[in-house]
Amino acid sequence: MLQKAGVANIIAEHEEWSKPEKFWKVRKDRDVSHYSKILTFPERLVTLKRILQKQGIKGVLKTMENEKIFFKAILDGKVGYCLYKGVKDI
């Protein structure tokens, strides 16, 4: 995708921090022991309220459905991340 966008000199960094098991280190203030603990209860309420206001109840339900799919992929070790950088001439 980067090459198609005209980016050159692409470098990928797949370091120790990008492994799927490091996902649980997503919070600076604490370790996350379970996916349901990524957001605190007040954070979750604020997030769901915003979704409800913008997308309605269908948006909230879809978010919760997608959340389950996403966390299953994490638990199955199918999600990781990598940093890519490059240069695009303008």
N, C-alpha and C. Protein backbone atom coordinates (compact mmCIF):
# COMPACT_ATOMS: atom_id res chain seq x y z
N MET A 1 0.83 -1.19 0.00
CA MET A 1 0.00 0.00 0.00
C MET A 1 0.87 1.25 0.00
N LEU A 2 1.95 1.21 0.75
CA LEU A 2 2.83 2.38 0.78
C LEU A 2 3.49 2.60 -0.58
N GLN A 3 3.93 1.53 -1.21
CA GLN A 3 4.54 1.66 -2.53
C GLN A 3 3.54 2.21 -3.54
N LYS A 4 2.30 1.71 -3.50
CA LYS A 4 1.27 2.22 -4.40
C LYS A 4 1.02 3.71 -4.19
N ALA A 5 1.23 4.17 -2.96
CA ALA A 5 1.03 5.58 -2.64
C ALA A 5 2.25 6.42 -3.00
N GLY A 6 3.29 5.80 -3.55
CA GLY A 6 4.46 6.54 -3.98
C GLY A 6 5.53 6.70 -2.92
N VAL A 7 5.48 5.89 -1.88
CA VAL A 7 6.48 5.97 -0.82
C VAL A 7 7.68 5.11 -1.21
N ALA A 8 8.88 5.66 -0.97
CA ALA A 8 10.12 4.95 -1.28
C ALA A 8 10.92 4.75 0.01
N ASN A 9 11.96 3.97 -0.09
CA ASN A 9 12.85 3.71 1.05
C ASN A 9 12.07 3.24 2.27
N ILE A 10 11.21 2.26 2.08
CA ILE A 10 10.35 1.77 3.16
C ILE A 10 11.16 0.87 4.09
N ILE A 11 11.07 1.17 5.37
CA ILE A 11 11.75 0.39 6.39
C ILE A 11 10.70 -0.13 7.36
N ALA A 12 10.80 -1.42 7.70
CA ALA A 12 9.87 -2.02 8.66
C ALA A 12 10.61 -2.31 9.95
N GLU A 13 9.99 -1.96 11.05
CA GLU A 13 10.54 -2.28 12.37
C GLU A 13 9.59 -3.24 13.06
N HIS A 14 10.03 -4.45 13.22
CA HIS A 14 9.24 -5.44 13.96
C HIS A 14 10.07 -5.82 15.17
N GLU A 15 9.93 -5.05 16.18
CA GLU A 15 10.74 -5.21 17.37
C GLU A 15 10.00 -6.02 18.43
N GLU A 16 10.67 -6.25 19.52
CA GLU A 16 10.11 -6.98 20.65
C GLU A 16 8.77 -6.39 21.10
N TRP A 17 8.67 -5.06 21.08
CA TRP A 17 7.45 -4.40 21.55
C TRP A 17 6.24 -4.65 20.66
N SER A 18 6.45 -5.16 19.45
CA SER A 18 5.33 -5.32 18.53
C SER A 18 4.72 -6.71 18.53
N LYS A 19 5.19 -7.60 19.38
CA LYS A 19 4.65 -8.95 19.42
C LYS A 19 3.24 -8.96 20.02
N PRO A 20 2.38 -9.87 19.56
CA PRO A 20 0.99 -9.89 20.05
C PRO A 20 0.86 -9.96 21.57
N GLU A 21 1.76 -10.69 22.22
CA GLU A 21 1.64 -10.82 23.68
C GLU A 21 1.91 -9.50 24.39
N LYS A 22 2.53 -8.55 23.71
CA LYS A 22 2.78 -7.23 24.30
C LYS A 22 1.54 -6.35 24.26
N PHE A 23 0.49 -6.81 23.61
CA PHE A 23 -0.75 -6.03 23.55
C PHE A 23 -1.24 -5.66 24.93
N TRP A 24 -1.02 -6.53 25.88
CA TRP A 24 -1.52 -6.31 27.24
C TRP A 24 -0.76 -5.20 27.96
N LYS A 25 0.30 -4.70 27.38
CA LYS A 25 1.07 -3.59 27.95
C LYS A 25 0.59 -2.26 27.35
N VAL A 26 -0.64 -2.22 26.90
CA VAL A 26 -1.18 -1.07 26.18
C VAL A 26 -1.40 0.16 27.07
N ARG A 27 -1.53 -0.03 28.35
CA ARG A 27 -1.76 1.09 29.26
C ARG A 27 -0.47 1.46 29.97
N LYS A 28 -0.16 2.76 30.03
CA LYS A 28 1.04 3.21 30.74
C LYS A 28 0.83 3.18 32.25
N ASP A 29 -0.42 3.36 32.66
CA ASP A 29 -0.70 3.49 34.09
C ASP A 29 -0.84 2.15 34.81
N ARG A 30 -0.99 1.05 34.05
CA ARG A 30 -1.20 -0.25 34.69
C ARG A 30 -1.10 -1.36 33.65
N ASP A 31 -0.85 -2.58 34.12
CA ASP A 31 -0.90 -3.74 33.25
C ASP A 31 -2.35 -4.17 33.08
N VAL A 32 -2.67 -4.62 31.90
CA VAL A 32 -4.02 -5.10 31.61
C VAL A 32 -4.00 -6.61 31.72
N SER A 33 -4.79 -7.15 32.61
CA SER A 33 -4.79 -8.59 32.84
C SER A 33 -5.82 -9.32 31.98
N HIS A 34 -6.78 -8.58 31.45
CA HIS A 34 -7.85 -9.19 30.65
C HIS A 34 -8.37 -8.11 29.70
N TYR A 35 -8.82 -8.53 28.52
CA TYR A 35 -9.27 -7.54 27.55
C TYR A 35 -10.40 -6.66 28.06
N SER A 36 -11.18 -7.17 28.98
CA SER A 36 -12.29 -6.37 29.52
C SER A 36 -11.78 -5.25 30.42
N LYS A 37 -10.49 -5.26 30.75
CA LYS A 37 -9.91 -4.27 31.65
C LYS A 37 -9.08 -3.21 30.92
N ILE A 38 -9.13 -3.19 29.59
CA ILE A 38 -8.37 -2.19 28.85
C ILE A 38 -8.86 -0.79 29.21
N LEU A 39 -10.16 -0.60 29.16
CA LEU A 39 -10.76 0.65 29.59
C LEU A 39 -11.26 0.49 31.02
N THR A 40 -11.11 1.53 31.81
CA THR A 40 -11.72 1.51 33.13
C THR A 40 -13.23 1.62 32.96
N PHE A 41 -13.98 1.33 33.98
CA PHE A 41 -15.44 1.41 33.88
C PHE A 41 -15.91 2.81 33.47
N PRO A 42 -15.39 3.88 34.09
CA PRO A 42 -15.80 5.22 33.65
C PRO A 42 -15.41 5.52 32.19
N GLU A 43 -14.22 5.07 31.76
CA GLU A 43 -13.81 5.26 30.37
C GLU A 43 -14.75 4.54 29.42
N ARG A 44 -15.13 3.34 29.79
CA ARG A 44 -16.05 2.56 28.94
C ARG A 44 -17.41 3.25 28.84
N LEU A 45 -17.90 3.78 29.95
CA LEU A 45 -19.19 4.48 29.93
C LEU A 45 -19.14 5.71 29.02
N VAL A 46 -18.08 6.49 29.13
CA VAL A 46 -17.93 7.67 28.29
C VAL A 46 -17.86 7.28 26.81
N THR A 47 -17.10 6.24 26.51
CA THR A 47 -16.96 5.77 25.13
C THR A 47 -18.29 5.30 24.57
N LEU A 48 -19.00 4.48 25.33
CA LEU A 48 -20.30 3.98 24.86
C LEU A 48 -21.31 5.12 24.72
N LYS A 49 -21.24 6.10 25.59
CA LYS A 49 -22.14 7.26 25.49
C LYS A 49 -21.88 8.02 24.19
N ARG A 50 -20.62 8.22 23.86
CA ARG A 50 -20.27 8.92 22.61
C ARG A 50 -20.75 8.15 21.39
N ILE A 51 -20.58 6.84 21.42
CA ILE A 51 -21.03 6.01 20.30
C ILE A 51 -22.55 6.08 20.20
N LEU A 52 -23.22 6.00 21.32
CA LEU A 52 -24.68 6.08 21.35
C LEU A 52 -25.17 7.40 20.76
N GLN A 53 -24.52 8.49 21.14
CA GLN A 53 -24.92 9.81 20.64
C GLN A 53 -24.71 9.94 19.14
N LYS A 54 -23.64 9.37 18.62
CA LYS A 54 -23.32 9.52 17.20
C LYS A 54 -23.95 8.44 16.32
N GLN A 55 -24.06 7.22 16.85
CA GLN A 55 -24.47 6.09 16.01
C GLN A 55 -25.75 5.40 16.48
N GLY A 56 -26.25 5.76 17.65
CA GLY A 56 -27.45 5.14 18.17
C GLY A 56 -27.17 3.77 18.77
N ILE A 57 -28.24 3.12 19.18
CA ILE A 57 -28.10 1.81 19.84
C ILE A 57 -27.50 0.76 18.91
N LYS A 58 -27.80 0.86 17.59
CA LYS A 58 -27.21 -0.09 16.64
C LYS A 58 -25.69 0.05 16.60
N GLY A 59 -25.20 1.28 16.74
CA GLY A 59 -23.77 1.51 16.76
C GLY A 59 -23.11 0.91 17.99
N VAL A 60 -23.79 1.04 19.13
CA VAL A 60 -23.28 0.46 20.38
C VAL A 60 -23.22 -1.06 20.25
N LEU A 61 -24.29 -1.66 19.75
CA LEU A 61 -24.33 -3.12 19.61
C LEU A 61 -23.26 -3.60 18.63
N LYS A 62 -23.08 -2.88 17.52
CA LYS A 62 -22.08 -3.27 16.53
C LYS A 62 -20.67 -3.14 17.11
N THR A 63 -20.45 -2.09 17.89
CA THR A 63 -19.16 -1.90 18.55
C THR A 63 -18.85 -3.07 19.47
N MET A 64 -19.82 -3.46 20.26
CA MET A 64 -19.61 -4.57 21.20
C MET A 64 -19.38 -5.89 20.46
N GLU A 65 -20.07 -6.08 19.35
CA GLU A 65 -19.88 -7.28 18.52
C GLU A 65 -18.46 -7.29 17.94
N ASN A 66 -18.05 -6.16 17.38
CA ASN A 66 -16.71 -6.06 16.80
C ASN A 66 -15.62 -6.21 17.85
N GLU A 67 -15.88 -5.70 19.04
CA GLU A 67 -14.93 -5.82 20.13
C GLU A 67 -14.64 -7.28 20.45
N LYS A 68 -15.67 -8.10 20.48
CA LYS A 68 -15.49 -9.53 20.75
C LYS A 68 -14.64 -10.19 19.66
N ILE A 69 -14.91 -9.84 18.41
CA ILE A 69 -14.14 -10.41 17.28
C ILE A 69 -12.68 -9.98 17.38
N PHE A 70 -12.45 -8.69 17.66
CA PHE A 70 -11.09 -8.16 17.76
C PHE A 70 -10.32 -8.84 18.89
N PHE A 71 -10.92 -8.95 20.06
CA PHE A 71 -10.21 -9.54 21.18
C PHE A 71 -9.98 -11.02 20.98
N LYS A 72 -10.86 -11.71 20.29
CA LYS A 72 -10.62 -13.12 19.97
C LYS A 72 -9.38 -13.25 19.08
N ALA A 73 -9.25 -12.33 18.12
CA ALA A 73 -8.08 -12.35 17.25
C ALA A 73 -6.80 -12.10 18.06
N ILE A 74 -6.88 -11.23 19.05
CA ILE A 74 -5.72 -10.97 19.91
C ILE A 74 -5.38 -12.22 20.72
N LEU A 75 -6.38 -12.80 21.35
CA LEU A 75 -6.16 -13.99 22.18
C LEU A 75 -5.65 -15.16 21.36
N ASP A 76 -6.03 -15.23 20.09
CA ASP A 76 -5.57 -16.30 19.20
C ASP A 76 -4.18 -16.01 18.62
N GLY A 77 -3.61 -14.86 18.98
CA GLY A 77 -2.27 -14.50 18.49
C GLY A 77 -2.25 -14.06 17.05
N LYS A 78 -3.37 -13.60 16.52
CA LYS A 78 -3.45 -13.21 15.11
C LYS A 78 -3.23 -11.72 14.89
N VAL A 79 -3.09 -10.96 15.96
CA VAL A 79 -2.93 -9.51 15.83
C VAL A 79 -1.59 -9.11 16.43
N GLY A 80 -0.86 -8.37 15.68
CA GLY A 80 0.38 -7.76 16.13
C GLY A 80 0.49 -6.44 15.40
N TYR A 81 1.60 -5.79 15.51
CA TYR A 81 1.75 -4.55 14.76
C TYR A 81 3.22 -4.34 14.44
N CYS A 82 3.42 -3.52 13.47
CA CYS A 82 4.76 -3.25 12.99
C CYS A 82 4.78 -1.77 12.58
N LEU A 83 5.90 -1.13 12.70
CA LEU A 83 6.06 0.26 12.32
C LEU A 83 6.75 0.33 10.96
N TYR A 84 6.15 1.04 10.03
CA TYR A 84 6.73 1.25 8.71
C TYR A 84 7.00 2.73 8.53
N LYS A 85 8.13 3.02 7.92
CA LYS A 85 8.41 4.42 7.60
C LYS A 85 9.04 4.48 6.22
N GLY A 86 8.87 5.60 5.58
CA GLY A 86 9.42 5.79 4.26
C GLY A 86 9.38 7.26 3.89
N VAL A 87 9.73 7.54 2.65
CA VAL A 87 9.79 8.91 2.15
C VAL A 87 8.94 9.02 0.90
N LYS A 88 8.14 10.07 0.85
CA LYS A 88 7.33 10.32 -0.34
C LYS A 88 7.71 11.68 -0.89
N ASP A 89 8.15 11.67 -2.13
CA ASP A 89 8.47 12.94 -2.78
C ASP A 89 7.18 13.65 -3.14
N ILE A 90 7.17 14.94 -2.91
CA ILE A 90 5.95 15.71 -3.19
C ILE A 90 6.15 16.51 -4.46
